[in-house]
Amino acid sequence: MYLDIKYEKSKVPWKDFENKVADIFESFNYKVLRNINFKTGRRYQIDLIAFDDSRVFCVDCKFHKYISPSIENYFTLKQIERMREYLKIDIKNFVGKRIFFLLVTRYANGQSISNFPGGRILSVSEGSLNDLLNRIELYEENLLSFKFY
């Protein structure tokens, strides 16, 4: 699946962008949970959780043209917190799978990497997501991930 030129040039509503990212994951045979709202003491929201038999991606979709590295790191830390909270209420789909974190942006500003103790978290544009998923095996050993048993 590749980007539709009409889609790329049009003004796409924020929700359509999230759905397009989910569609890309589904084209790679991932099951996708969309717009997950939950409460474990406080309210949380996760844009997408995409999973197959061995991997889980907690995806934060950002519609911004530019995200500074410090803001990107903040988004990523919040994303990790939200996923850890979500696992308190729904772990059955994720036992034994590696959970990765991914920031997907609407506009291409290159791939960036946030370094955290234990690994890296990728930030890719929507247009680069296909390539990343096609070659995820090349990246996954260096990416921050969690695994629950």
C-alpha atoms as a PDB file:
ATOM      1  CA  MET A   1       0.000   0.000   0.000  1.00  0.00           C
ATOM      2  CA  TYR A   2       1.385   3.405  -0.988  1.00  0.00           C
ATOM      3  CA  LEU A   3       0.171   6.944  -0.582  1.00  0.00           C
ATOM      4  CA  ASP A   4      -2.508   8.208  -2.907  1.00  0.00           C
ATOM      5  CA  ILE A   5      -1.326  11.466  -4.544  1.00  0.00           C
ATOM      6  CA  LYS A   6      -4.787  13.065  -4.189  1.00  0.00           C
ATOM      7  CA  TYR A   7      -4.730  12.153  -0.506  1.00  0.00           C
ATOM      8  CA  GLU A   8      -1.251  13.585  -0.061  1.00  0.00           C
ATOM      9  CA  LYS A   9      -2.083  16.945  -1.613  1.00  0.00           C
ATOM     10  CA  SER A  10      -5.460  17.417   0.005  1.00  0.00           C
ATOM     11  CA  LYS A  11      -6.159  18.876   3.395  1.00  0.00           C
ATOM     12  CA  VAL A  12      -6.825  15.749   5.379  1.00  0.00           C
ATOM     13  CA  PRO A  13      -8.726  15.927   8.645  1.00  0.00           C
ATOM     14  CA  TRP A  14      -6.830  14.702  11.698  1.00  0.00           C
ATOM     15  CA  LYS A  15      -9.059  11.631  12.180  1.00  0.00           C
ATOM     16  CA  ASP A  16      -8.623  10.599   8.530  1.00  0.00           C
ATOM     17  CA  PHE A  17      -4.866  10.743   9.064  1.00  0.00           C
ATOM     18  CA  GLU A  18      -5.102   8.340  12.015  1.00  0.00           C
ATOM     19  CA  ASN A  19      -7.335   6.031   9.973  1.00  0.00           C
ATOM     20  CA  LYS A  20      -4.837   6.074   7.081  1.00  0.00           C
ATOM     21  CA  VAL A  21      -2.038   5.050   9.478  1.00  0.00           C
ATOM     22  CA  ALA A  22      -4.264   2.251  10.837  1.00  0.00           C
ATOM     23  CA  ASP A  23      -5.012   1.125   7.270  1.00  0.00           C
ATOM     24  CA  ILE A  24      -1.286   0.833   6.571  1.00  0.00           C
ATOM     25  CA  PHE A  25      -0.840  -1.442   9.595  1.00  0.00           C
ATOM     26  CA  GLU A  26      -3.845  -3.507   8.529  1.00  0.00           C
ATOM     27  CA  SER A  27      -2.343  -3.926   5.052  1.00  0.00           C
ATOM     28  CA  PHE A  28       0.562  -5.681   6.831  1.00  0.00           C
ATOM     29  CA  ASN A  29      -1.918  -8.007   8.581  1.00  0.00           C
ATOM     30  CA  TYR A  30      -1.826  -6.276  11.951  1.00  0.00           C
ATOM     31  CA  LYS A  31      -4.992  -6.114  14.009  1.00  0.00           C
ATOM     32  CA  VAL A  32      -5.587  -2.504  14.968  1.00  0.00           C
ATOM     33  CA  LEU A  33      -7.327  -1.002  17.975  1.00  0.00           C
ATOM     34  CA  ARG A  34      -8.203   2.638  17.242  1.00  0.00           C
ATOM     35  CA  ASN A  35      -8.742   5.640  19.485  1.00  0.00           C
ATOM     36  CA  ILE A  36      -8.603   3.789  22.785  1.00  0.00           C
ATOM     37  CA  ASN A  37      -9.996   5.778  25.714  1.00  0.00           C
ATOM     38  CA  PHE A  38      -9.677   4.360  29.208  1.00  0.00           C
ATOM     39  CA  LYS A  39      -9.350   5.282  32.844  1.00  0.00           C
ATOM     40  CA  THR A  40      -7.033   3.861  35.532  1.00  0.00           C
ATOM     41  CA  GLY A  41      -7.122   6.591  38.127  1.00  0.00           C
ATOM     42  CA  ARG A  42      -7.030   9.268  35.412  1.00  0.00           C
ATOM     43  CA  ARG A  43      -8.185   9.388  31.817  1.00  0.00           C
ATOM     44  CA  TYR A  44      -5.909   8.234  28.988  1.00  0.00           C
ATOM     45  CA  GLN A  45      -6.133   7.970  25.221  1.00  0.00           C
ATOM     46  CA  ILE A  46      -3.991   5.964  22.779  1.00  0.00           C
ATOM     47  CA  ASP A  47      -4.290   6.678  19.061  1.00  0.00           C
ATOM     48  CA  LEU A  48      -3.568   3.153  17.803  1.00  0.00           C
ATOM     49  CA  ILE A  49      -2.385  -0.205  19.026  1.00  0.00           C
ATOM     50  CA  ALA A  50      -1.412  -2.496  16.151  1.00  0.00           C
ATOM     51  CA  PHE A  51      -0.492  -6.117  16.855  1.00  0.00           C
ATOM     52  CA  ASP A  52       0.207  -9.427  15.183  1.00  0.00           C
ATOM     53  CA  ASP A  53       1.444 -12.765  16.545  1.00  0.00           C
ATOM     54  CA  SER A  54       4.781 -11.425  17.778  1.00  0.00           C
ATOM     55  CA  ARG A  55       4.781  -7.607  17.817  1.00  0.00           C
ATOM     56  CA  VAL A  56       2.713  -4.800  19.255  1.00  0.00           C
ATOM     57  CA  PHE A  57       3.063  -1.177  18.205  1.00  0.00           C
ATOM     58  CA  CYS A  58       1.748   1.567  20.447  1.00  0.00           C
ATOM     59  CA  VAL A  59       1.347   4.357  17.883  1.00  0.00           C
ATOM     60  CA  ASP A  60       1.054   8.055  18.559  1.00  0.00           C
ATOM     61  CA  CYS A  61      -0.101   9.938  15.441  1.00  0.00           C
ATOM     62  CA  LYS A  62       0.951  13.580  15.162  1.00  0.00           C
ATOM     63  CA  PHE A  63      -0.526  15.831  12.521  1.00  0.00           C
ATOM     64  CA  HIS A  64       2.057  18.619  13.011  1.00  0.00           C
ATOM     65  CA  LYS A  65       4.439  19.815  10.306  1.00  0.00           C
ATOM     66  CA  TYR A  66       7.368  19.995  12.731  1.00  0.00           C
ATOM     67  CA  ILE A  67       7.984  18.517  16.158  1.00  0.00           C
ATOM     68  CA  SER A  68      11.078  19.626  18.034  1.00  0.00           C
ATOM     69  CA  PRO A  69      13.245  16.862  19.527  1.00  0.00           C
ATOM     70  CA  SER A  70      12.399  17.882  23.107  1.00  0.00           C
ATOM     71  CA  ILE A  71       8.640  17.815  22.395  1.00  0.00           C
ATOM     72  CA  GLU A  72       9.059  14.502  20.554  1.00  0.00           C
ATOM     73  CA  ASN A  73      10.734  13.042  23.651  1.00  0.00           C
ATOM     74  CA  TYR A  74       7.894  14.352  25.826  1.00  0.00           C
ATOM     75  CA  PHE A  75       5.286  12.751  23.543  1.00  0.00           C
ATOM     76  CA  THR A  76       7.192   9.481  23.669  1.00  0.00           C
ATOM     77  CA  LEU A  77       7.430   9.421  27.468  1.00  0.00           C
ATOM     78  CA  LYS A  78       3.685  10.051  27.702  1.00  0.00           C
ATOM     79  CA  GLN A  79       3.067   7.291  25.165  1.00  0.00           C
ATOM     80  CA  ILE A  80       5.038   4.795  27.276  1.00  0.00           C
ATOM     81  CA  GLU A  81       3.072   5.858  30.363  1.00  0.00           C
ATOM     82  CA  ARG A  82      -0.265   5.412  28.556  1.00  0.00           C
ATOM     83  CA  MET A  83       0.632   1.927  27.304  1.00  0.00           C
ATOM     84  CA  ARG A  84       1.779   0.804  30.737  1.00  0.00           C
ATOM     85  CA  GLU A  85      -1.529   1.995  32.162  1.00  0.00           C
ATOM     86  CA  TYR A  86      -3.480   0.282  29.382  1.00  0.00           C
ATOM     87  CA  LEU A  87      -1.789  -3.020  30.161  1.00  0.00           C
ATOM     88  CA  LYS A  88      -3.309  -2.851  33.642  1.00  0.00           C
ATOM     89  CA  ILE A  89      -6.757  -3.301  32.100  1.00  0.00           C
ATOM     90  CA  ASP A  90      -6.038  -5.377  28.965  1.00  0.00           C
ATOM     91  CA  ILE A  91      -2.988  -7.601  28.817  1.00  0.00           C
ATOM     92  CA  LYS A  92      -4.457 -10.732  27.185  1.00  0.00           C
ATOM     93  CA  ASN A  93      -3.672  -9.614  23.591  1.00  0.00           C
ATOM     94  CA  PHE A  94      -0.100  -8.719  24.475  1.00  0.00           C
ATOM     95  CA  VAL A  95       1.321 -11.540  26.623  1.00  0.00           C
ATOM     96  CA  GLY A  96       4.575 -12.858  25.159  1.00  0.00           C
ATOM     97  CA  LYS A  97       4.769 -10.163  22.458  1.00  0.00           C
ATOM     98  CA  ARG A  98       7.294  -7.383  22.166  1.00  0.00           C
ATOM     99  CA  ILE A  99       5.706  -3.971  22.568  1.00  0.00           C
ATOM    100  CA  PHE A 100       7.289  -1.169  20.546  1.00  0.00           C
ATOM    101  CA  PHE A 101       6.538   2.546  20.554  1.00  0.00           C
ATOM    102  CA  LEU A 102       6.218   4.549  17.371  1.00  0.00           C
ATOM    103  CA  LEU A 103       5.497   8.185  16.582  1.00  0.00           C
ATOM    104  CA  VAL A 104       3.995   8.679  13.106  1.00  0.00           C
ATOM    105  CA  THR A 105       3.854  12.204  11.710  1.00  0.00           C
ATOM    106  CA  ARG A 106       1.680  13.504   8.889  1.00  0.00           C
ATOM    107  CA  TYR A 107       4.458  15.355   7.119  1.00  0.00           C
ATOM    108  CA  ALA A 108       7.860  14.064   6.048  1.00  0.00           C
ATOM    109  CA  ASN A 109      10.588  15.622   8.133  1.00  0.00           C
ATOM    110  CA  GLY A 110      12.929  12.657   7.996  1.00  0.00           C
ATOM    111  CA  GLN A 111      13.114   9.748  10.362  1.00  0.00           C
ATOM    112  CA  SER A 112      14.224  10.650  13.822  1.00  0.00           C
ATOM    113  CA  ILE A 113      15.190   8.518  16.764  1.00  0.00           C
ATOM    114  CA  SER A 114      14.700   9.251  20.436  1.00  0.00           C
ATOM    115  CA  ASN A 115      17.217   7.474  22.619  1.00  0.00           C
ATOM    116  CA  PHE A 116      16.033   6.112  25.941  1.00  0.00           C
ATOM    117  CA  PRO A 117      17.688   3.781  28.415  1.00  0.00           C
ATOM    118  CA  GLY A 118      17.147   0.347  26.946  1.00  0.00           C
ATOM    119  CA  GLY A 119      16.652   1.338  23.324  1.00  0.00           C
ATOM    120  CA  ARG A 120      15.420   3.783  20.725  1.00  0.00           C
ATOM    121  CA  ILE A 121      11.996   4.947  19.667  1.00  0.00           C
ATOM    122  CA  LEU A 122      11.401   5.813  16.029  1.00  0.00           C
ATOM    123  CA  SER A 123       9.508   8.744  14.655  1.00  0.00           C
ATOM    124  CA  VAL A 124       8.585   8.304  10.990  1.00  0.00           C
ATOM    125  CA  SER A 125       6.432  10.116   8.513  1.00  0.00           C
ATOM    126  CA  GLU A 126       3.304   8.453   7.252  1.00  0.00           C
ATOM    127  CA  GLY A 127       5.002   8.028   3.862  1.00  0.00           C
ATOM    128  CA  SER A 128       7.882   6.087   5.460  1.00  0.00           C
ATOM    129  CA  LEU A 129       5.692   3.740   7.482  1.00  0.00           C
ATOM    130  CA  ASN A 130       5.401   1.158   4.675  1.00  0.00           C
ATOM    131  CA  ASP A 131       9.181   0.922   4.384  1.00  0.00           C
ATOM    132  CA  LEU A 132       9.608   0.610   8.127  1.00  0.00           C
ATOM    133  CA  LEU A 133       7.083  -2.209   8.397  1.00  0.00           C
ATOM    134  CA  ASN A 134       8.613  -3.986   5.405  1.00  0.00           C
ATOM    135  CA  ARG A 135      12.009  -3.959   7.133  1.00  0.00           C
ATOM    136  CA  ILE A 136      11.125  -3.961  10.820  1.00  0.00           C
ATOM    137  CA  GLU A 137      13.413  -6.928  11.473  1.00  0.00           C
ATOM    138  CA  LEU A 138      16.406  -4.676  10.698  1.00  0.00           C
ATOM    139  CA  TYR A 139      15.430  -2.227  13.445  1.00  0.00           C
ATOM    140  CA  GLU A 140      13.739  -4.158  16.211  1.00  0.00           C
ATOM    141  CA  GLU A 141      16.831  -5.324  18.125  1.00  0.00           C
ATOM    142  CA  ASN A 142      17.810  -1.686  18.751  1.00  0.00           C
ATOM    143  CA  LEU A 143      14.340  -0.415  19.569  1.00  0.00           C
ATOM    144  CA  LEU A 144      12.976   0.077  23.041  1.00  0.00           C
ATOM    145  CA  SER A 145      10.489  -2.676  23.742  1.00  0.00           C
ATOM    146  CA  PHE A 146       8.772  -4.406  26.604  1.00  0.00           C
ATOM    147  CA  LYS A 147       7.602  -7.976  26.835  1.00  0.00           C
ATOM    148  CA  PHE A 148       5.049  -9.321  29.306  1.00  0.00           C
ATOM    149  CA  TYR A 149       4.667 -12.970  30.318  1.00  0.00           C
END
